[in-house]
Amino acid sequence: MDSPARPLSPGRRTLLRGAALGAAVPLVPATASAEGRAPARRRASAPVSYRWLGTSGWRIDLRTKKPTKTKHRTVLVDPYVTRFDTGLFTGSFDPGTRLRTDEALVREHAGTPEVICVTHTHWDHLNDVPQLARSTGARVIGTETTYHVLRSFGVDAGQISVVRGGEVLDFDGYVIEVASSRHSRGGSYSYFAPGTLHAPPAAAPRTVADLPEGDTLAFKVTPDGAPSALFMGASDFDERSFRGLEPDIAMVAVASSASTYRYVPRLLDALGRPDVIVPVHWDNFERPLSDPPRKDGTGLDDFLAQARAASPRSRLVVPDYATVYGADLRRNP
């Protein structure tokens, strides 16, 4: 029996513009910047908040109202918080670095998620997911490779939803749309640990090199009554798959090289020039979250300049680890 249809979520950008969001407020974090347009207005009580977990990781906390009570729910995207040293940022990268998870740190930052979205299976995206899935029972949404890797770590098959791109998943309070995407390209037009899995590995991965990319996805999350947000895990994309997504907010991975042709202007055009653009995957993800984010050798400044040129009416927000952001990506009081 089909469940009753519920009202569609608000039209694109109706919640980030105009009087619907209440009085205008300035950006508070020193690392955030407003570009081009008048500040978006915020609502008095937003049903969602965002916390950047570094790299491309996010914690999304939602309040969904039922007839008798308000339910607090958490969705995670690429929650990598253990952040161990592989030598990547010092020029001595060791692909044999052992995988490990700091369970107490993961509990502190990740909470108790009901859904975990995984863009791809490299260690800086997947490493902490097996422990989180086993300890919380959260549903994990990812590729076939993600499925097989998690199974090798003992995650129950019933918790894992395999997707390819194009799926629109209704979680009764928020909708997750899945888009086919692509992994970042280095200077050699390739990337680390390519490959996909079509069966569980003979043994659970032990090193960072044991985790292949396994195809890359992006996720658009639309909470009921709040702006939509797109989450990218790498700095390339499928232009045809991205057209029509039109998120209000876009968490965009900063390019690690210039190998992808006109990455920023093509991407922002395909997405319809979102109201808010948030650069991610520019920080040194081998330093603890207790330290301020560092842009060691990344192209953050160049990305910001290109985004301003390609989408001058968008508001740019450079996130930090300590801030809890509201539904419109302004600091919560």
Protein backbone atom coordinates (compact mmCIF):
# COMPACT_ATOMS: atom_id res chain seq x y z
CA MET A 1 0.00 0.00 0.00
CA ASP A 2 1.42 3.37 -0.99
CA SER A 3 1.97 5.88 1.78
CA PRO A 4 0.04 9.14 1.48
CA ALA A 5 1.78 11.80 -0.53
CA ARG A 6 3.09 14.61 1.65
CA PRO A 7 3.44 18.23 0.53
CA LEU A 8 6.42 19.01 -1.62
CA SER A 9 9.25 20.91 0.04
CA PRO A 10 9.41 24.69 -0.62
CA GLY A 11 10.41 25.90 -4.06
CA ARG A 12 14.03 26.60 -4.75
CA ARG A 13 15.50 29.62 -2.96
CA THR A 14 12.23 30.75 -1.43
CA LEU A 15 13.73 30.25 2.03
CA LEU A 16 17.00 32.10 1.50
CA ARG A 17 15.51 35.27 0.06
CA GLY A 18 13.09 37.89 1.23
CA ALA A 19 11.27 38.44 4.47
CA ALA A 20 10.48 34.77 5.03
CA LEU A 21 13.71 34.34 7.00
CA GLY A 22 13.19 37.23 9.40
CA ALA A 23 15.62 40.05 10.14
CA ALA A 24 18.89 40.27 8.23
CA VAL A 25 22.00 39.45 10.26
CA PRO A 26 25.70 39.72 9.37
CA LEU A 27 27.99 36.74 9.13
CA VAL A 28 29.63 36.22 12.50
CA PRO A 29 32.57 33.83 11.96
CA ALA A 30 35.75 35.65 10.97
CA THR A 31 36.42 33.04 8.31
CA ALA A 32 33.10 33.64 6.54
CA SER A 33 32.56 36.25 3.85
CA ALA A 34 29.57 37.74 2.07
CA GLU A 35 29.93 38.58 -1.59
CA GLY A 36 27.80 40.47 -4.06
CA ARG A 37 24.25 40.35 -2.76
CA ALA A 38 22.44 41.66 0.29
CA PRO A 39 22.64 39.25 3.22
CA ALA A 40 20.09 36.45 3.18
CA ARG A 41 17.50 36.62 5.93
CA ARG A 42 17.11 33.99 8.61
CA ARG A 43 14.15 32.46 10.36
CA ALA A 44 13.66 32.73 14.09
CA SER A 45 13.75 28.96 14.59
CA ALA A 46 15.39 26.90 11.86
CA PRO A 47 14.69 23.14 11.86
CA VAL A 48 18.23 22.23 10.82
CA SER A 49 21.84 23.00 11.74
CA TYR A 50 25.15 22.16 10.12
CA ARG A 51 28.58 21.41 11.57
CA TRP A 52 31.63 20.98 9.36
CA LEU A 53 33.65 17.90 10.33
CA GLY A 54 36.57 18.85 8.10
CA THR A 55 37.48 17.44 4.67
CA SER A 56 34.04 16.96 3.05
CA GLY A 57 32.41 15.78 6.27
CA TRP A 58 29.22 17.31 7.69
CA ARG A 59 26.87 16.69 10.58
CA ILE A 60 23.29 17.74 9.90
CA ASP A 61 20.97 17.92 12.90
CA LEU A 62 17.25 18.16 12.18
CA ARG A 63 14.16 18.73 14.29
CA THR A 64 11.13 17.06 12.77
CA LYS A 65 7.76 17.74 14.37
CA LYS A 66 5.28 14.95 14.93
CA PRO A 67 1.74 15.42 16.26
CA THR A 68 2.79 14.91 19.89
CA LYS A 69 6.53 15.63 20.03
CA THR A 70 9.61 16.97 18.28
CA LYS A 71 12.13 14.37 17.16
CA HIS A 72 15.86 15.14 16.92
CA ARG A 73 17.62 13.38 14.04
CA THR A 74 21.16 13.40 12.68
CA VAL A 75 22.46 12.80 9.15
CA LEU A 76 26.18 12.53 8.44
CA VAL A 77 28.10 12.98 5.21
CA ASP A 78 31.65 11.55 4.96
CA PRO A 79 32.30 11.65 8.72
CA TYR A 80 36.12 11.34 8.98
CA VAL A 81 37.20 12.77 12.34
CA THR A 82 40.02 10.42 13.50
CA ARG A 83 42.39 12.24 11.12
CA PHE A 84 45.63 10.28 11.49
CA ASP A 85 48.94 11.16 9.83
CA THR A 86 49.86 9.53 6.49
CA GLY A 87 52.53 12.07 5.52
CA LEU A 88 50.29 13.44 2.77
CA PHE A 89 50.74 17.07 3.78
CA THR A 90 54.48 16.84 4.44
CA GLY A 91 55.51 15.29 1.13
CA SER A 92 56.15 11.82 2.57
CA PHE A 93 52.85 10.04 1.92
CA ASP A 94 52.87 6.40 3.04
CA PRO A 95 50.09 4.35 1.38
CA GLY A 96 50.82 1.59 3.88
CA THR A 97 49.58 3.71 6.80
CA ARG A 98 47.32 1.57 8.99
CA LEU A 99 43.66 2.44 9.29
CA ARG A 100 42.44 3.20 12.81
CA THR A 101 39.46 4.83 14.49
CA ASP A 102 39.35 6.90 17.68
CA GLU A 103 35.96 5.71 18.92
CA ALA A 104 35.61 8.30 21.69
CA LEU A 105 36.41 11.15 19.29
CA VAL A 106 33.95 9.80 16.74
CA ARG A 107 31.17 9.64 19.36
CA GLU A 108 31.96 13.21 20.43
CA HIS A 109 31.66 14.69 16.94
CA ALA A 110 29.26 12.36 15.13
CA GLY A 111 26.53 11.85 17.71
CA THR A 112 24.00 9.13 16.95
CA PRO A 113 23.18 9.32 13.24
CA GLU A 114 20.23 7.64 11.61
CA VAL A 115 21.72 8.00 8.10
CA ILE A 116 25.32 8.23 6.88
CA CYS A 117 25.99 9.29 3.27
CA VAL A 118 29.34 8.20 1.81
CA THR A 119 30.53 9.93 -1.37
CA HIS A 120 33.34 7.41 -2.04
CA THR A 121 35.51 4.90 -0.20
CA HIS A 122 38.89 6.61 0.17
CA TRP A 123 40.06 6.61 3.80
CA ASP A 124 39.48 10.33 4.39
CA HIS A 125 35.78 9.73 3.73
CA LEU A 126 35.04 6.16 4.87
CA ASN A 127 37.53 5.40 7.66
CA ASP A 128 35.20 6.07 10.62
CA VAL A 129 32.00 4.80 8.98
CA PRO A 130 32.30 1.06 9.81
CA GLN A 131 32.59 1.70 13.54
CA LEU A 132 29.76 4.26 13.45
CA ALA A 133 27.49 1.92 11.52
CA ARG A 134 28.13 -1.01 13.85
CA SER A 135 27.74 1.00 17.06
CA THR A 136 24.66 3.05 16.11
CA GLY A 137 22.79 0.91 13.59
CA ALA A 138 22.69 3.87 11.19
CA ARG A 139 21.69 3.32 7.60
CA VAL A 140 24.62 3.89 5.21
CA ILE A 141 23.98 5.14 1.67
CA GLY A 142 26.79 4.57 -0.82
CA THR A 143 28.11 2.74 -3.84
CA GLU A 144 28.46 -0.99 -4.37
CA THR A 145 32.10 -0.66 -3.34
CA THR A 146 31.04 1.01 -0.09
CA TYR A 147 28.68 -1.92 0.48
CA HIS A 148 31.37 -4.54 0.05
CA VAL A 149 33.92 -2.70 2.18
CA LEU A 150 31.43 -2.27 5.02
CA ARG A 151 30.41 -5.91 4.83
CA SER A 152 34.09 -6.89 5.24
CA PHE A 153 34.11 -4.83 8.45
CA GLY A 154 31.09 -6.69 9.80
CA VAL A 155 28.37 -4.12 9.07
CA ASP A 156 24.96 -5.76 8.64
CA ALA A 157 23.84 -5.92 5.00
CA GLY A 158 20.38 -4.66 6.00
CA GLN A 159 21.87 -1.32 7.07
CA ILE A 160 23.46 -0.53 3.71
CA SER A 161 21.60 1.04 0.79
CA VAL A 162 23.42 0.76 -2.54
CA VAL A 163 22.83 3.67 -4.93
CA ARG A 164 24.25 4.79 -8.27
CA GLY A 165 22.84 8.26 -8.84
CA GLY A 166 19.33 9.40 -9.69
CA GLU A 167 17.69 7.98 -6.55
CA VAL A 168 15.34 10.24 -4.54
CA LEU A 169 14.93 8.81 -1.03
CA ASP A 170 12.16 9.92 1.33
CA PHE A 171 13.02 9.76 5.04
CA ASP A 172 9.78 11.35 6.31
CA GLY A 173 11.10 14.75 7.32
CA TYR A 174 13.83 15.13 4.74
CA VAL A 175 14.64 13.92 1.24
CA ILE A 176 18.04 12.75 0.00
CA GLU A 177 18.72 12.93 -3.73
CA VAL A 178 21.72 11.04 -5.07
CA ALA A 179 23.74 12.27 -8.04
CA SER A 180 26.45 10.50 -9.98
CA SER A 181 29.69 12.44 -9.60
CA ARG A 182 33.40 12.10 -10.30
CA HIS A 183 36.61 12.07 -8.27
CA SER A 184 39.15 14.91 -8.24
CA ARG A 185 42.01 14.74 -10.73
CA GLY A 186 45.64 15.34 -9.86
CA GLY A 187 48.29 16.87 -12.06
CA SER A 188 48.64 13.55 -13.91
CA TYR A 189 44.90 13.52 -14.74
CA SER A 190 44.43 10.52 -12.45
CA TYR A 191 43.80 9.92 -8.74
CA PHE A 192 44.84 7.78 -5.80
CA ALA A 193 43.63 4.16 -5.49
CA PRO A 194 41.20 3.86 -8.41
CA GLY A 195 39.05 0.77 -8.73
CA THR A 196 35.72 -0.72 -7.70
CA LEU A 197 34.70 -3.82 -5.76
CA HIS A 198 32.03 -6.27 -6.94
CA ALA A 199 32.42 -8.61 -3.97
CA PRO A 200 33.70 -8.25 -0.42
CA PRO A 201 37.51 -8.27 -0.20
CA ALA A 202 39.10 -11.44 1.16
CA ALA A 203 39.99 -9.53 4.33
CA ALA A 204 38.90 -6.21 5.77
CA PRO A 205 41.10 -3.33 4.55
CA ARG A 206 44.06 -2.61 6.84
CA THR A 207 45.84 0.32 5.14
CA VAL A 208 44.81 3.49 3.32
CA ALA A 209 45.85 1.89 0.03
CA ASP A 210 43.40 -0.96 0.63
CA LEU A 211 40.45 1.40 0.18
CA PRO A 212 39.74 2.10 -3.52
CA GLU A 213 37.78 5.11 -4.73
CA GLY A 214 34.92 2.87 -5.86
CA ASP A 215 32.98 5.51 -7.87
CA THR A 216 31.94 8.90 -6.48
CA LEU A 217 28.54 10.30 -5.56
CA ALA A 218 27.08 13.62 -4.41
CA PHE A 219 24.08 14.05 -2.13
CA LYS A 220 21.41 16.74 -1.98
CA VAL A 221 19.60 16.89 1.36
CA THR A 222 16.31 18.80 1.58
CA PRO A 223 14.78 19.01 5.07
CA ASP A 224 11.06 19.80 5.17
CA GLY A 225 10.62 23.56 5.47
CA ALA A 226 14.31 24.44 5.03
CA PRO A 227 16.76 25.18 2.21
CA SER A 228 18.36 22.30 0.33
CA ALA A 229 22.08 21.57 0.51
CA LEU A 230 24.32 19.69 -1.91
CA PHE A 231 27.35 17.80 -0.57
CA MET A 232 30.31 16.99 -2.80
CA GLY A 233 33.18 14.74 -1.74
CA ALA A 234 35.62 15.45 -4.58
CA SER A 235 36.37 18.20 -7.08
CA ASP A 236 34.97 16.86 -10.31
CA PHE A 237 31.41 16.17 -11.36
CA ASP A 238 29.04 14.77 -13.97
CA GLU A 239 27.70 17.92 -15.57
CA ARG A 240 24.58 16.25 -16.94
CA SER A 241 23.74 14.62 -13.61
CA PHE A 242 24.15 17.91 -11.73
CA ARG A 243 21.88 19.97 -13.97
CA GLY A 244 18.46 20.22 -12.41
CA LEU A 245 19.66 19.70 -8.82
CA GLU A 246 19.64 23.48 -8.19
CA PRO A 247 20.48 23.40 -4.46
CA ASP A 248 20.07 26.49 -2.31
CA ILE A 249 23.42 25.74 -0.63
CA ALA A 250 26.37 23.93 -2.22
CA MET A 251 29.24 22.38 -0.25
CA VAL A 252 31.81 22.37 -3.06
CA ALA A 253 35.14 20.53 -2.97
CA VAL A 254 38.11 22.77 -3.79
CA ALA A 255 40.12 21.52 -6.77
CA SER A 256 43.51 19.96 -6.03
CA SER A 257 44.80 20.73 -9.52
CA ALA A 258 43.85 22.50 -12.74
CA SER A 259 43.31 19.22 -14.62
CA THR A 260 39.52 19.55 -14.84
CA TYR A 261 38.53 22.05 -17.51
CA ARG A 262 36.89 25.22 -16.08
CA TYR A 263 35.81 23.30 -12.99
CA VAL A 264 34.35 26.17 -10.96
CA PRO A 265 32.40 28.10 -13.64
CA ARG A 266 31.07 24.90 -15.24
CA LEU A 267 30.00 23.51 -11.87
CA LEU A 268 28.27 26.66 -10.66
CA ASP A 269 26.49 27.06 -13.99
CA ALA A 270 25.27 23.45 -13.86
CA LEU A 271 23.96 23.99 -10.31
CA GLY A 272 22.16 27.19 -11.25
CA ARG A 273 24.51 29.43 -9.20
CA PRO A 274 23.42 28.53 -5.65
CA ASP A 275 22.57 31.23 -3.14
CA VAL A 276 25.30 30.01 -0.77
CA ILE A 277 28.62 28.40 -1.74
CA VAL A 278 30.70 26.66 0.92
CA PRO A 279 34.19 25.45 -0.06
CA VAL A 280 35.24 22.13 1.52
CA HIS A 281 38.11 19.62 1.26
CA TRP A 282 40.71 22.40 1.45
CA ASP A 283 41.87 21.83 5.03
CA ASN A 284 44.78 19.76 6.32
CA PHE A 285 42.75 16.71 7.36
CA GLU A 286 45.69 15.12 9.18
CA ARG A 287 45.57 17.69 11.97
CA PRO A 288 43.05 17.30 14.81
CA LEU A 289 39.68 19.03 14.74
CA SER A 290 40.66 20.76 17.98
CA ASP A 291 43.07 22.91 15.91
CA PRO A 292 41.81 25.63 13.55
CA PRO A 293 41.54 24.51 9.91
CA ARG A 294 44.67 25.04 7.82
CA LYS A 295 44.72 25.41 4.04
CA ASP A 296 48.20 23.89 3.61
CA GLY A 297 49.04 24.15 -0.07
CA THR A 298 45.42 24.11 -1.24
CA GLY A 299 43.76 26.29 -3.84
CA LEU A 300 41.18 27.86 -1.52
CA ASP A 301 41.99 31.46 -2.43
CA ASP A 302 41.89 30.71 -6.15
CA PHE A 303 38.58 28.88 -5.72
CA LEU A 304 37.04 31.86 -3.94
CA ALA A 305 38.18 34.22 -6.68
CA GLN A 306 36.74 31.97 -9.38
CA ALA A 307 33.46 31.53 -7.50
CA ARG A 308 33.08 35.30 -7.10
CA ALA A 309 33.62 35.77 -10.83
CA ALA A 310 31.32 32.93 -11.89
CA SER A 311 28.49 33.60 -9.43
CA PRO A 312 28.78 37.18 -8.07
CA ARG A 313 25.36 37.11 -6.40
CA SER A 314 26.18 34.03 -4.30
CA ARG A 315 27.25 34.35 -0.66
CA LEU A 316 30.56 32.60 0.07
CA VAL A 317 31.00 31.00 3.48
CA VAL A 318 34.40 29.58 4.44
CA PRO A 319 33.57 27.20 7.28
CA ASP A 320 35.41 26.42 10.48
CA TYR A 321 35.21 23.41 12.76
CA ALA A 322 33.90 25.20 15.85
CA THR A 323 30.84 26.92 14.42
CA VAL A 324 27.32 25.52 14.38
CA TYR A 325 25.58 26.95 11.31
CA GLY A 326 21.87 27.47 10.85
CA ALA A 327 19.66 26.45 7.94
CA ASP A 328 20.91 29.44 5.90
CA LEU A 329 24.58 28.79 6.79
CA ARG A 330 24.78 31.64 9.26
CA ARG A 331 26.09 31.12 12.75
CA ASN A 332 23.49 29.88 15.22
CA PRO A 333 23.01 32.07 18.30
